[in-house]
Amino acid sequence: MRSRLQARSKPFWPLARSFDGRVLGYTTALFAVLPFLVLYIDGSVKTFILSVQSDWGLMVAGAITALGYGLVNATMAVTLLVIGLMAGRPREAVAGKLGLFAVIVGSLSVQVLKHLFCRSRPLAEKAGQFFVEFPCLGKGSGLISFPSGHSVTAFAMAFVLSRAYPRYTLLFYGLAGLVALSRVYLAKHFPSDVVAGAALGLLAGWIVCRFSAFSPVHGHT
């Protein structure tokens, strides 16, 4: 009986690792390059993107960007949680639960930061400038460019799923990367916005999985 319980709990070890220096290293590196992107890259990329946009490209990017909506990711997490509970699959149940928590943590934190930095979106007046009409709470979506919320939720969910299903890590992060690129292609965000969003999403996922190491769920499966 004990061996069966241990066998069932084995899939959770990637989720329950108490420390992952690589993740903190990645997030630190992403945050470190932000000043360079803001000063030297954002404006050039915006000009290039506007010169190569096409109707077909916008349609594809619009479909991809939907994968980054917080509600979409939350629905995916809840679906995974329900399937896990109903089918008696602990790994799916825990992945869904932690995925939902990661999306919530990421979404709440990004909304706070958006309204603190008040950065104007690429196609808005004073594009790229920070602290425009600060505080910008309630002054329109054109002033909440930094960081990218889609990137945050996509990478938060990708982090949790990659812990639950390490075999598909490249797929999960590849999809999250496409979501981030779609935001730039649609001229909704600058590169620095999505890089900051990716870093914040990884951090949100890591925090949720870090605290899950002390969760009763892991101790009793």
Protein backbone atom coordinates (compact mmCIF):
# COMPACT_ATOMS: atom_id res chain seq x y z
CA MET A 1 0.00 0.00 0.00
CA ARG A 2 2.81 2.35 0.91
CA SER A 3 4.59 1.69 -2.38
CA ARG A 4 1.40 2.47 -4.29
CA LEU A 5 1.05 5.79 -2.51
CA GLN A 6 4.67 6.61 -3.26
CA ALA A 7 4.18 5.71 -6.90
CA ARG A 8 1.18 8.01 -7.12
CA SER A 9 3.04 10.87 -5.50
CA LYS A 10 6.08 10.57 -7.77
CA PRO A 11 4.66 12.75 -10.58
CA PHE A 12 4.43 15.67 -8.18
CA TRP A 13 8.13 16.09 -7.52
CA PRO A 14 8.66 18.57 -10.38
CA LEU A 15 5.87 20.72 -8.93
CA ALA A 16 7.07 20.50 -5.37
CA ARG A 17 10.76 21.32 -5.76
CA SER A 18 11.45 23.88 -3.04
CA PHE A 19 14.07 25.79 -4.98
CA ASP A 20 14.98 26.17 -8.62
CA GLY A 21 17.93 28.50 -9.13
CA ARG A 22 17.58 28.36 -12.88
CA VAL A 23 14.18 30.00 -12.80
CA LEU A 24 15.42 32.82 -10.60
CA GLY A 25 18.41 33.18 -12.91
CA TYR A 26 16.18 33.41 -15.98
CA THR A 27 13.87 35.98 -14.41
CA THR A 28 16.80 38.05 -13.19
CA ALA A 29 18.35 38.02 -16.67
CA LEU A 30 15.04 39.04 -18.27
CA PHE A 31 14.57 41.92 -15.86
CA ALA A 32 18.20 42.98 -16.38
CA VAL A 33 17.80 43.47 -20.14
CA LEU A 34 14.69 45.66 -19.79
CA PRO A 35 16.53 49.03 -19.71
CA PHE A 36 18.39 48.10 -22.90
CA LEU A 37 15.16 47.10 -24.64
CA VAL A 38 13.36 50.27 -23.57
CA LEU A 39 16.19 52.56 -24.67
CA TYR A 40 17.38 50.92 -27.87
CA ILE A 41 15.01 48.23 -29.15
CA ASP A 42 11.36 49.10 -28.53
CA GLY A 43 11.09 52.01 -30.97
CA SER A 44 12.87 50.22 -33.82
CA VAL A 45 10.81 47.07 -33.43
CA LYS A 46 7.58 49.08 -33.41
CA THR A 47 8.54 50.77 -36.69
CA PHE A 48 9.50 47.44 -38.26
CA ILE A 49 6.33 45.69 -37.13
CA LEU A 50 4.08 48.39 -38.53
CA SER A 51 5.88 48.09 -41.88
CA VAL A 52 5.37 44.31 -42.18
CA GLN A 53 1.86 43.85 -40.75
CA SER A 54 -0.62 42.17 -43.07
CA ASP A 55 -4.26 41.20 -42.83
CA TRP A 56 -3.33 37.54 -42.80
CA GLY A 57 -0.66 38.07 -40.16
CA LEU A 58 -3.02 40.05 -37.96
CA MET A 59 -5.61 37.29 -38.21
CA VAL A 60 -3.12 34.60 -37.17
CA ALA A 61 -1.65 36.74 -34.40
CA GLY A 62 -5.16 37.50 -33.14
CA ALA A 63 -5.89 33.79 -32.85
CA ILE A 64 -2.63 33.08 -31.06
CA THR A 65 -2.98 35.98 -28.66
CA ALA A 66 -6.25 34.51 -27.38
CA LEU A 67 -4.18 31.83 -25.65
CA GLY A 68 -2.84 34.51 -23.33
CA TYR A 69 -6.13 35.80 -21.97
CA GLY A 70 -6.33 35.29 -18.23
CA LEU A 71 -9.84 33.89 -18.49
CA VAL A 72 -8.73 31.37 -21.13
CA ASN A 73 -5.82 30.17 -19.00
CA ALA A 74 -7.99 30.05 -15.89
CA THR A 75 -10.56 27.97 -17.79
CA MET A 76 -7.84 25.59 -18.93
CA ALA A 77 -6.61 25.21 -15.36
CA VAL A 78 -10.10 24.61 -13.97
CA THR A 79 -10.81 22.07 -16.71
CA LEU A 80 -7.60 20.22 -15.84
CA LEU A 81 -8.50 20.35 -12.15
CA VAL A 82 -12.01 18.97 -12.73
CA ILE A 83 -10.73 16.20 -14.99
CA GLY A 84 -8.15 15.26 -12.40
CA LEU A 85 -10.68 15.14 -9.57
CA MET A 86 -13.36 13.28 -11.52
CA ALA A 87 -10.99 10.78 -13.11
CA GLY A 88 -8.94 10.22 -9.96
CA ARG A 89 -5.76 11.56 -11.54
CA PRO A 90 -3.79 13.44 -8.84
CA ARG A 91 -1.22 14.94 -11.20
CA GLU A 92 -3.87 16.61 -13.35
CA ALA A 93 -5.74 17.80 -10.25
CA VAL A 94 -2.67 19.40 -8.71
CA ALA A 95 -1.50 20.86 -12.02
CA GLY A 96 -4.91 22.42 -12.54
CA LYS A 97 -5.04 23.80 -9.02
CA LEU A 98 -1.56 25.30 -9.15
CA GLY A 99 -2.11 26.57 -12.68
CA LEU A 100 -5.20 28.43 -11.52
CA PHE A 101 -3.33 29.92 -8.56
CA ALA A 102 -0.44 30.96 -10.83
CA VAL A 103 -2.80 32.71 -13.26
CA ILE A 104 -4.53 34.52 -10.40
CA VAL A 105 -1.25 35.62 -8.79
CA GLY A 106 0.14 36.74 -12.14
CA SER A 107 -3.02 38.57 -13.17
CA LEU A 108 -3.32 40.48 -9.90
CA SER A 109 0.34 41.48 -9.83
CA VAL A 110 0.37 42.63 -13.44
CA GLN A 111 -2.67 44.84 -12.93
CA VAL A 112 -0.95 46.57 -10.03
CA LEU A 113 2.21 47.12 -12.06
CA LYS A 114 0.32 48.33 -15.14
CA HIS A 115 -1.34 51.08 -13.14
CA LEU A 116 1.90 52.01 -11.41
CA PHE A 117 4.05 52.34 -14.53
CA CYS A 118 1.30 53.89 -16.70
CA ARG A 119 3.15 53.23 -19.95
CA SER A 120 1.48 54.30 -23.17
CA ARG A 121 0.88 51.57 -25.73
CA PRO A 122 2.67 51.57 -29.13
CA LEU A 123 -0.26 53.10 -31.04
CA ALA A 124 -1.41 55.47 -28.32
CA GLU A 125 -0.40 59.08 -27.76
CA LYS A 126 3.06 59.45 -26.20
CA ALA A 127 3.80 55.86 -27.20
CA GLY A 128 6.34 54.13 -25.01
CA GLN A 129 6.47 56.78 -22.32
CA PHE A 130 6.15 55.76 -18.68
CA PHE A 131 4.10 57.43 -15.95
CA VAL A 132 1.77 59.10 -18.44
CA GLU A 133 -1.03 60.82 -16.51
CA PHE A 134 0.08 59.05 -13.34
CA PRO A 135 -1.84 57.64 -11.56
CA CYS A 136 -3.54 56.14 -14.61
CA LEU A 137 -6.21 54.06 -12.86
CA GLY A 138 -9.43 54.35 -14.83
CA LYS A 139 -7.88 56.39 -17.67
CA GLY A 140 -8.13 53.79 -20.41
CA SER A 141 -6.27 50.73 -21.66
CA GLY A 142 -3.94 52.85 -23.78
CA LEU A 143 -1.91 53.68 -20.69
CA ILE A 144 -1.34 50.18 -19.31
CA SER A 145 1.22 48.72 -21.68
CA PHE A 146 3.85 47.59 -19.17
CA PRO A 147 4.05 44.71 -18.50
CA SER A 148 2.08 42.52 -20.91
CA GLY A 149 -0.73 40.72 -19.10
CA HIS A 150 -1.06 38.10 -21.82
CA SER A 151 2.62 37.22 -21.46
CA VAL A 152 2.32 36.98 -17.69
CA THR A 153 -0.56 34.51 -17.70
CA ALA A 154 0.82 32.49 -20.62
CA PHE A 155 4.22 32.02 -18.99
CA ALA A 156 2.76 31.41 -15.54
CA MET A 157 0.62 28.60 -16.94
CA ALA A 158 3.52 27.28 -19.04
CA PHE A 159 5.71 27.11 -15.94
CA VAL A 160 3.21 25.00 -14.00
CA LEU A 161 2.43 22.72 -16.93
CA SER A 162 6.12 22.19 -17.66
CA ARG A 163 6.59 21.09 -14.05
CA ALA A 164 3.68 18.66 -14.30
CA TYR A 165 4.57 17.38 -17.77
CA PRO A 166 8.33 17.98 -18.26
CA ARG A 167 8.33 16.00 -21.50
CA TYR A 168 6.35 18.81 -23.15
CA THR A 169 8.30 21.75 -21.70
CA LEU A 170 9.36 23.04 -25.10
CA LEU A 171 5.78 22.94 -26.35
CA PHE A 172 4.41 24.89 -23.38
CA TYR A 173 7.08 27.57 -23.48
CA GLY A 174 6.93 27.69 -27.26
CA LEU A 175 3.22 28.50 -27.13
CA ALA A 176 3.81 31.10 -24.42
CA GLY A 177 6.55 32.64 -26.57
CA LEU A 178 4.18 32.81 -29.54
CA VAL A 179 1.62 34.60 -27.37
CA ALA A 180 4.26 37.17 -26.41
CA LEU A 181 5.33 37.65 -30.03
CA SER A 182 1.71 38.03 -31.11
CA ARG A 183 1.29 40.96 -28.73
CA VAL A 184 4.23 42.72 -30.35
CA TYR A 185 3.02 41.92 -33.87
CA LEU A 186 -0.42 43.29 -33.08
CA ALA A 187 1.29 46.49 -31.86
CA LYS A 188 -0.36 46.11 -28.47
CA HIS A 189 2.97 45.94 -26.64
CA PHE A 190 6.65 46.75 -26.97
CA PRO A 191 9.29 43.99 -26.70
CA SER A 192 10.19 45.18 -23.20
CA ASP A 193 6.54 44.79 -22.17
CA VAL A 194 6.40 41.12 -23.13
CA VAL A 195 9.86 40.35 -21.73
CA ALA A 196 8.80 41.86 -18.40
CA GLY A 197 5.56 39.89 -18.63
CA ALA A 198 7.42 36.64 -19.29
CA ALA A 199 9.69 37.23 -16.29
CA LEU A 200 6.76 38.07 -14.05
CA GLY A 201 4.83 35.02 -15.26
CA LEU A 202 7.76 32.71 -14.53
CA LEU A 203 8.10 34.26 -11.11
CA ALA A 204 4.38 33.84 -10.39
CA GLY A 205 4.51 30.18 -11.42
CA TRP A 206 7.64 29.58 -9.39
CA ILE A 207 6.17 31.19 -6.26
CA VAL A 208 3.01 29.10 -6.48
CA CYS A 209 4.93 25.86 -7.02
CA ARG A 210 7.44 26.84 -4.34
CA PHE A 211 4.74 27.17 -1.70
CA SER A 212 3.04 24.01 -2.95
CA ALA A 213 6.00 22.08 -1.55
CA PHE A 214 4.42 22.63 1.85
CA SER A 215 0.85 21.94 0.72
CA PRO A 216 -1.10 19.06 2.34
CA VAL A 217 -2.01 17.97 -1.18
CA HIS A 218 1.54 16.83 -1.78
CA GLY A 219 1.93 15.32 1.60
CA HIS A 220 -1.12 13.07 1.39
CA THR A 221 -1.16 11.82 -2.20
